C-alpha atoms as a PDB file:
ATOM      1  CA  UNK A   1      98.898 163.188  38.137  1.00  0.00           C
ATOM      2  CA  UNK A   2     101.324 163.777  35.268  1.00  0.00           C
ATOM      3  CA  UNK A   3     104.313 161.491  34.804  1.00  0.00           C
ATOM      4  CA  UNK A   4     107.240 162.353  32.548  1.00  0.00           C
ATOM      5  CA  UNK A   5     109.638 159.755  31.190  1.00  0.00           C
ATOM      6  CA  UNK A   6     111.284 158.685  27.955  1.00  0.00           C
ATOM      7  CA  UNK A   7     110.012 156.055  25.545  1.00  0.00           C
ATOM      8  CA  UNK A   8     112.310 154.896  22.772  1.00  0.00           C
ATOM      9  CA  UNK A   9     114.324 158.079  23.188  1.00  0.00           C
ATOM     10  CA  UNK A  10     111.382 160.486  23.079  1.00  0.00           C
ATOM     11  CA  UNK A  11     110.199 162.485  26.085  1.00  0.00           C
ATOM     12  CA  UNK A  12     106.572 161.735  26.961  1.00  0.00           C
ATOM     13  CA  UNK A  13     104.121 162.915  29.581  1.00  0.00           C
ATOM     14  CA  UNK A  14     100.977 161.097  30.597  1.00  0.00           C
ATOM     15  CA  UNK A  15      98.236 162.146  32.972  1.00  0.00           C
ATOM     16  CA  UNK A  16      97.159 158.875  34.585  1.00  0.00           C
ATOM     17  CA  UNK A  17      96.686 157.370  38.038  1.00  0.00           C
ATOM     18  CA  UNK A  18     100.057 156.463  39.579  1.00  0.00           C
ATOM     19  CA  UNK A  19      99.219 152.778  39.935  1.00  0.00           C
ATOM     20  CA  UNK A  20      98.286 152.361  36.261  1.00  0.00           C
ATOM     21  CA  UNK A  21     100.444 149.634  34.785  1.00  0.00           C
ATOM     22  CA  UNK A  22     103.255 150.630  32.446  1.00  0.00           C
ATOM     23  CA  UNK A  23     101.895 148.013  30.025  1.00  0.00           C
ATOM     24  CA  UNK A  24      98.541 149.806  29.824  1.00  0.00           C
ATOM     25  CA  UNK A  25     100.157 153.226  29.434  1.00  0.00           C
ATOM     26  CA  UNK A  26     102.299 151.957  26.573  1.00  0.00           C
ATOM     27  CA  UNK A  27      99.483 150.174  24.755  1.00  0.00           C
ATOM     28  CA  UNK A  28      96.461 152.368  25.472  1.00  0.00           C
ATOM     29  CA  UNK A  29      97.809 155.848  26.151  1.00  0.00           C
ATOM     30  CA  UNK A  30     100.853 155.881  23.865  1.00  0.00           C
ATOM     31  CA  UNK A  31      99.538 153.479  21.158  1.00  0.00           C
ATOM     32  CA  UNK A  32     102.668 151.318  21.334  1.00  0.00           C
ATOM     33  CA  UNK A  33     100.947 147.973  20.870  1.00  0.00           C
ATOM     34  CA  UNK A  34     104.054 145.912  20.177  1.00  0.00           C
ATOM     35  CA  UNK A  35     104.322 145.061  23.865  1.00  0.00           C
ATOM     36  CA  UNK A  36     101.903 142.200  24.516  1.00  0.00           C
ATOM     37  CA  UNK A  37      99.987 141.113  27.592  1.00  0.00           C
ATOM     38  CA  UNK A  38     100.263 137.404  28.171  1.00  0.00           C
ATOM     39  CA  UNK A  39      99.467 136.508  31.757  1.00  0.00           C
ATOM     40  CA  UNK A  40      99.217 139.889  33.509  1.00  0.00           C
ATOM     41  CA  UNK A  41     101.038 138.364  36.492  1.00  0.00           C
ATOM     42  CA  UNK A  42     104.712 138.703  35.562  1.00  0.00           C
ATOM     43  CA  UNK A  43     105.089 135.023  34.780  1.00  0.00           C
ATOM     44  CA  UNK A  44     105.352 134.867  30.977  1.00  0.00           C
ATOM     45  CA  UNK A  45     107.534 137.796  29.890  1.00  0.00           C
ATOM     46  CA  UNK A  46     105.374 138.733  26.883  1.00  0.00           C
ATOM     47  CA  UNK A  47     105.219 142.299  28.185  1.00  0.00           C
ATOM     48  CA  UNK A  48     108.983 142.665  28.741  1.00  0.00           C
ATOM     49  CA  UNK A  49     110.482 146.077  28.072  1.00  0.00           C
ATOM     50  CA  UNK A  50     113.785 147.654  29.021  1.00  0.00           C
ATOM     51  CA  UNK A  51     113.606 150.124  31.894  1.00  0.00           C
ATOM     52  CA  UNK A  52     116.877 152.036  32.076  1.00  0.00           C
ATOM     53  CA  UNK A  53     118.394 149.050  30.264  1.00  0.00           C
ATOM     54  CA  UNK A  54     117.056 146.349  32.596  1.00  0.00           C
ATOM     55  CA  UNK A  55     114.432 143.814  31.516  1.00  0.00           C
ATOM     56  CA  UNK A  56     111.145 144.266  33.407  1.00  0.00           C
ATOM     57  CA  UNK A  57     107.648 142.858  33.071  1.00  0.00           C
ATOM     58  CA  UNK A  58     105.654 145.986  32.271  1.00  0.00           C
ATOM     59  CA  UNK A  59     102.490 144.388  33.670  1.00  0.00           C
ATOM     60  CA  UNK A  60     104.051 144.619  37.147  1.00  0.00           C
ATOM     61  CA  UNK A  61     105.426 148.165  36.998  1.00  0.00           C
ATOM     62  CA  UNK A  62     103.207 151.032  38.143  1.00  0.00           C
ATOM     63  CA  UNK A  63     103.732 154.165  36.104  1.00  0.00           C
ATOM     64  CA  UNK A  64     104.634 156.141  39.239  1.00  0.00           C
ATOM     65  CA  UNK A  65     107.902 154.158  39.379  1.00  0.00           C
ATOM     66  CA  UNK A  66     108.835 155.106  35.818  1.00  0.00           C
ATOM     67  CA  UNK A  67     108.996 158.894  36.258  1.00  0.00           C
ATOM     68  CA  UNK A  68     112.251 160.247  34.810  1.00  0.00           C
ATOM     69  CA  UNK A  69     113.337 156.861  33.522  1.00  0.00           C
ATOM     70  CA  UNK A  70     113.935 155.512  30.030  1.00  0.00           C
ATOM     71  CA  UNK A  71     111.660 152.824  28.576  1.00  0.00           C
ATOM     72  CA  UNK A  72     112.573 150.923  25.443  1.00  0.00           C
ATOM     73  CA  UNK A  73     109.919 148.865  23.718  1.00  0.00           C
ATOM     74  CA  UNK A  74     110.077 146.550  20.734  1.00  0.00           C
ATOM     75  CA  UNK A  75     109.146 149.535  18.551  1.00  0.00           C
ATOM     76  CA  UNK A  76     112.408 151.135  19.688  1.00  0.00           C
ATOM     77  CA  UNK A  77     114.531 148.356  18.207  1.00  0.00           C
ATOM     78  CA  UNK A  78     113.905 149.287  14.595  1.00  0.00           C
ATOM     79  CA  UNK A  79     115.568 152.208  12.878  1.00  0.00           C
ATOM     80  CA  UNK A  80     112.616 153.987  11.293  1.00  0.00           C
ATOM     81  CA  UNK A  81     111.197 151.387   8.903  1.00  0.00           C
ATOM     82  CA  UNK A  82     114.176 149.017   8.984  1.00  0.00           C
ATOM     83  CA  UNK A  83     114.460 146.082  11.401  1.00  0.00           C
ATOM     84  CA  UNK A  84     117.561 145.873  13.561  1.00  0.00           C
ATOM     85  CA  UNK A  85     120.001 142.970  13.389  1.00  0.00           C
ATOM     86  CA  UNK A  86     118.262 141.020  16.170  1.00  0.00           C
ATOM     87  CA  UNK A  87     114.856 141.317  14.513  1.00  0.00           C
ATOM     88  CA  UNK A  88     116.409 140.273  11.200  1.00  0.00           C
ATOM     89  CA  UNK A  89     118.022 137.252  12.868  1.00  0.00           C
ATOM     90  CA  UNK A  90     114.655 136.224  14.349  1.00  0.00           C
ATOM     91  CA  UNK A  91     113.139 136.432  10.888  1.00  0.00           C
ATOM     92  CA  UNK A  92     115.959 134.500   9.204  1.00  0.00           C
ATOM     93  CA  UNK A  93     116.174 131.775  11.878  1.00  0.00           C
ATOM     94  CA  UNK A  94     112.406 131.354  12.215  1.00  0.00           C
ATOM     95  CA  UNK A  95     112.485 132.476  15.842  1.00  0.00           C
ATOM     96  CA  UNK A  96     108.906 133.758  15.835  1.00  0.00           C
ATOM     97  CA  UNK A  97     105.670 131.881  15.346  1.00  0.00           C
ATOM     98  CA  UNK A  98     102.425 133.264  16.752  1.00  0.00           C
ATOM     99  CA  UNK A  99     104.082 136.520  17.839  1.00  0.00           C
ATOM    100  CA  UNK A 100     102.739 136.853  21.387  1.00  0.00           C
ATOM    101  CA  UNK A 101     106.081 136.151  23.088  1.00  0.00           C
ATOM    102  CA  UNK A 102     108.262 137.636  20.359  1.00  0.00           C
ATOM    103  CA  UNK A 103     108.391 141.270  21.566  1.00  0.00           C
ATOM    104  CA  UNK A 104     109.366 140.175  25.071  1.00  0.00           C
ATOM    105  CA  UNK A 105     111.903 137.683  23.729  1.00  0.00           C
ATOM    106  CA  UNK A 106     113.420 140.394  21.560  1.00  0.00           C
ATOM    107  CA  UNK A 107     113.725 142.783  24.493  1.00  0.00           C
ATOM    108  CA  UNK A 108     115.305 140.165  26.776  1.00  0.00           C
ATOM    109  CA  UNK A 109     117.675 139.201  23.963  1.00  0.00           C
ATOM    110  CA  UNK A 110     118.542 142.845  23.286  1.00  0.00           C
ATOM    111  CA  UNK A 111     119.461 143.344  26.945  1.00  0.00           C
ATOM    112  CA  UNK A 112     121.581 140.185  26.838  1.00  0.00           C
ATOM    113  CA  UNK A 113     123.392 141.243  23.669  1.00  0.00           C
ATOM    114  CA  UNK A 114     123.962 144.748  25.047  1.00  0.00           C
ATOM    115  CA  UNK A 115     125.576 143.233  28.153  1.00  0.00           C
ATOM    116  CA  UNK A 116     128.417 141.909  26.016  1.00  0.00           C
ATOM    117  CA  UNK A 117     128.197 138.479  27.635  1.00  0.00           C
ATOM    118  CA  UNK A 118     129.473 135.495  25.693  1.00  0.00           C
ATOM    119  CA  UNK A 119     126.591 134.098  23.674  1.00  0.00           C
ATOM    120  CA  UNK A 120     126.865 130.451  24.651  1.00  0.00           C
ATOM    121  CA  UNK A 121     123.697 128.381  24.440  1.00  0.00           C
ATOM    122  CA  UNK A 122     123.480 128.229  28.245  1.00  0.00           C
ATOM    123  CA  UNK A 123     123.927 131.991  28.591  1.00  0.00           C
ATOM    124  CA  UNK A 124     121.273 132.671  25.957  1.00  0.00           C
ATOM    125  CA  UNK A 125     118.858 130.249  27.645  1.00  0.00           C
ATOM    126  CA  UNK A 126     119.419 131.970  30.972  1.00  0.00           C
ATOM    127  CA  UNK A 127     118.874 135.408  29.448  1.00  0.00           C
ATOM    128  CA  UNK A 128     115.433 134.450  28.140  1.00  0.00           C
ATOM    129  CA  UNK A 129     114.445 132.270  31.101  1.00  0.00           C
ATOM    130  CA  UNK A 130     111.755 134.769  32.156  1.00  0.00           C
ATOM    131  CA  UNK A 131     110.049 134.555  28.773  1.00  0.00           C
ATOM    132  CA  UNK A 132     107.709 131.699  27.946  1.00  0.00           C
ATOM    133  CA  UNK A 133     106.903 130.507  24.454  1.00  0.00           C
ATOM    134  CA  UNK A 134     104.141 128.010  23.911  1.00  0.00           C
ATOM    135  CA  UNK A 135     104.731 127.544  20.160  1.00  0.00           C
ATOM    136  CA  UNK A 136     108.391 126.564  19.905  1.00  0.00           C
ATOM    137  CA  UNK A 137     110.985 124.421  21.570  1.00  0.00           C
ATOM    138  CA  UNK A 138     113.144 127.557  21.909  1.00  0.00           C
ATOM    139  CA  UNK A 139     115.766 126.156  19.509  1.00  0.00           C
ATOM    140  CA  UNK A 140     115.078 128.666  16.732  1.00  0.00           C
ATOM    141  CA  UNK A 141     114.871 131.531  19.233  1.00  0.00           C
ATOM    142  CA  UNK A 142     118.272 130.587  20.658  1.00  0.00           C
ATOM    143  CA  UNK A 143     119.663 130.211  17.132  1.00  0.00           C
ATOM    144  CA  UNK A 144     118.397 133.694  16.255  1.00  0.00           C
ATOM    145  CA  UNK A 145     120.003 135.291  19.313  1.00  0.00           C
ATOM    146  CA  UNK A 146     123.283 133.478  18.607  1.00  0.00           C
ATOM    147  CA  UNK A 147     123.148 134.659  14.997  1.00  0.00           C
ATOM    148  CA  UNK A 148     122.636 138.267  16.074  1.00  0.00           C
ATOM    149  CA  UNK A 149     125.470 137.936  18.602  1.00  0.00           C
ATOM    150  CA  UNK A 150     127.849 136.619  15.950  1.00  0.00           C
ATOM    151  CA  UNK A 151     126.953 139.470  13.624  1.00  0.00           C
ATOM    152  CA  UNK A 152     127.509 142.067  16.328  1.00  0.00           C
ATOM    153  CA  UNK A 153     130.953 140.596  17.060  1.00  0.00           C
ATOM    154  CA  UNK A 154     131.962 140.462  13.377  1.00  0.00           C
ATOM    155  CA  UNK A 155     133.948 143.428  12.071  1.00  0.00           C
ATOM    156  CA  UNK A 156     131.940 145.653   9.736  1.00  0.00           C
END
């Protein structure tokens, strides 16, 4: 069956079985390999994407549930070849190490920043609670999100 939806603002159509995971469609059918598979069970958050603005584990979402919706992946954060402010903050603060969790962390952080919530340490920790990182103590990740939040609040 054919499913139509939007990925990073572009309309797409895929002909796949309805229970195929969104993660597999993104990586294998649409060649968007930024989204990573960590556990495949919805426990680690490495595969997090935004589905109509909400953070979801793409390994748990069948493509039949995505029809007509908008998916934003880590590739959709950048403006052409330029990183966005959150990606830049991760780079500057050292918020990424091995890179497996980074796309999911970025997507959870993007949803948090878009919510307009106050970027306290506790709020940031809560916003990324569904994303596991085995390389860091989360300090640099939290610092990066706080840095991006402060830059978004600052007048241009």
